[in-house]
Amino acid sequence: MDMNLLRYFMSKNGDKQSDLAKAIQLPQSALSERMNGKVSFRQTEMNAIRKRYCLSADEMLAIFFAQ
């Protein structure tokens, strides 16, 4: 995962972690666990993030499936 890229899109859209957590209906602590790599994002969460930030397929791959 490339969480720096996700943080970039969050910042670009004026979101803090708490804003994104609310938007994808997760407790902030659960989003933090995902962003820190302790827990994997679910497909529904990835799709919600994609819609929120209008991400392309390549951007999604770069964020969630980067090595």
C-alpha atoms as a PDB file:
ATOM      1  CA  MET A   1       0.000   0.000   0.000  1.00  0.00           C
ATOM      2  CA  ASP A   2       1.103   3.551  -0.668  1.00  0.00           C
ATOM      3  CA  MET A   3      -0.509   5.493   2.149  1.00  0.00           C
ATOM      4  CA  ASN A   4       1.488   8.595   1.244  1.00  0.00           C
ATOM      5  CA  LEU A   5      -0.438   8.678  -2.025  1.00  0.00           C
ATOM      6  CA  LEU A   6      -3.739   8.292  -0.173  1.00  0.00           C
ATOM      7  CA  ARG A   7      -2.686  11.099   2.172  1.00  0.00           C
ATOM      8  CA  TYR A   8      -1.896  13.203  -0.902  1.00  0.00           C
ATOM      9  CA  PHE A   9      -5.435  12.778  -2.245  1.00  0.00           C
ATOM     10  CA  MET A  10      -6.866  13.470   1.198  1.00  0.00           C
ATOM     11  CA  SER A  11      -4.867  16.697   1.433  1.00  0.00           C
ATOM     12  CA  LYS A  12      -5.691  17.692  -2.143  1.00  0.00           C
ATOM     13  CA  ASN A  13      -9.372  17.437  -1.246  1.00  0.00           C
ATOM     14  CA  GLY A  14      -9.035  19.179   2.113  1.00  0.00           C
ATOM     15  CA  ASP A  15      -9.746  16.043   4.127  1.00  0.00           C
ATOM     16  CA  LYS A  16      -8.290  15.049   7.456  1.00  0.00           C
ATOM     17  CA  GLN A  17      -8.302  11.447   8.560  1.00  0.00           C
ATOM     18  CA  SER A  18     -11.441  12.096  10.589  1.00  0.00           C
ATOM     19  CA  ASP A  19     -13.219  13.436   7.471  1.00  0.00           C
ATOM     20  CA  LEU A  20     -12.390  10.353   5.448  1.00  0.00           C
ATOM     21  CA  ALA A  21     -13.359   8.025   8.295  1.00  0.00           C
ATOM     22  CA  LYS A  22     -16.761   9.670   8.536  1.00  0.00           C
ATOM     23  CA  ALA A  23     -17.235   9.616   4.757  1.00  0.00           C
ATOM     24  CA  ILE A  24     -16.577   5.878   4.497  1.00  0.00           C
ATOM     25  CA  GLN A  25     -18.459   5.135   7.710  1.00  0.00           C
ATOM     26  CA  LEU A  26     -15.573   3.832   9.801  1.00  0.00           C
ATOM     27  CA  PRO A  27     -14.499   4.792  13.286  1.00  0.00           C
ATOM     28  CA  GLN A  28     -11.380   6.925  13.079  1.00  0.00           C
ATOM     29  CA  SER A  29      -9.419   4.271  14.986  1.00  0.00           C
ATOM     30  CA  ALA A  30     -10.374   1.643  12.374  1.00  0.00           C
ATOM     31  CA  LEU A  31      -9.238   3.896   9.525  1.00  0.00           C
ATOM     32  CA  SER A  32      -5.983   4.518  11.361  1.00  0.00           C
ATOM     33  CA  GLU A  33      -5.378   0.770  11.658  1.00  0.00           C
ATOM     34  CA  ARG A  34      -5.928   0.382   7.931  1.00  0.00           C
ATOM     35  CA  MET A  35      -3.699   3.314   7.013  1.00  0.00           C
ATOM     36  CA  ASN A  36      -0.940   1.958   9.263  1.00  0.00           C
ATOM     37  CA  GLY A  37      -1.128  -1.459   7.596  1.00  0.00           C
ATOM     38  CA  LYS A  38      -2.380  -3.331  10.656  1.00  0.00           C
ATOM     39  CA  VAL A  39      -5.683  -4.230   8.963  1.00  0.00           C
ATOM     40  CA  SER A  40      -6.455  -4.481   5.245  1.00  0.00           C
ATOM     41  CA  PHE A  41      -8.972  -2.220   3.573  1.00  0.00           C
ATOM     42  CA  ARG A  42     -12.171  -3.964   2.522  1.00  0.00           C
ATOM     43  CA  GLN A  43     -13.343  -3.742  -1.075  1.00  0.00           C
ATOM     44  CA  THR A  44     -16.323  -1.582  -0.078  1.00  0.00           C
ATOM     45  CA  GLU A  45     -13.996   0.841   1.721  1.00  0.00           C
ATOM     46  CA  MET A  46     -11.666   1.057  -1.268  1.00  0.00           C
ATOM     47  CA  ASN A  47     -14.637   1.745  -3.543  1.00  0.00           C
ATOM     48  CA  ALA A  48     -15.909   4.461  -1.211  1.00  0.00           C
ATOM     49  CA  ILE A  49     -12.478   6.111  -1.228  1.00  0.00           C
ATOM     50  CA  ARG A  50     -12.333   5.825  -5.022  1.00  0.00           C
ATOM     51  CA  LYS A  51     -15.676   7.576  -5.375  1.00  0.00           C
ATOM     52  CA  ARG A  52     -14.856  10.261  -2.812  1.00  0.00           C
ATOM     53  CA  TYR A  53     -11.647  11.280  -4.565  1.00  0.00           C
ATOM     54  CA  CYS A  54     -12.654  10.358  -8.153  1.00  0.00           C
ATOM     55  CA  LEU A  55      -9.658   8.052  -8.458  1.00  0.00           C
ATOM     56  CA  SER A  56      -8.740   6.333 -11.685  1.00  0.00           C
ATOM     57  CA  ALA A  57      -8.089   2.604 -11.825  1.00  0.00           C
ATOM     58  CA  ASP A  58      -4.341   3.286 -11.996  1.00  0.00           C
ATOM     59  CA  GLU A  59      -4.506   5.516  -8.916  1.00  0.00           C
ATOM     60  CA  MET A  60      -6.421   2.820  -7.050  1.00  0.00           C
ATOM     61  CA  LEU A  61      -3.798   0.238  -7.955  1.00  0.00           C
ATOM     62  CA  ALA A  62      -1.001   2.596  -6.914  1.00  0.00           C
ATOM     63  CA  ILE A  63      -2.585   3.239  -3.512  1.00  0.00           C
ATOM     64  CA  PHE A  64      -3.915  -0.146  -2.486  1.00  0.00           C
ATOM     65  CA  PHE A  65      -1.837  -2.652  -4.403  1.00  0.00           C
ATOM     66  CA  ALA A  66       1.641  -1.088  -4.534  1.00  0.00           C
ATOM     67  CA  GLN A  67       4.483  -3.291  -3.358  1.00  0.00           C
END
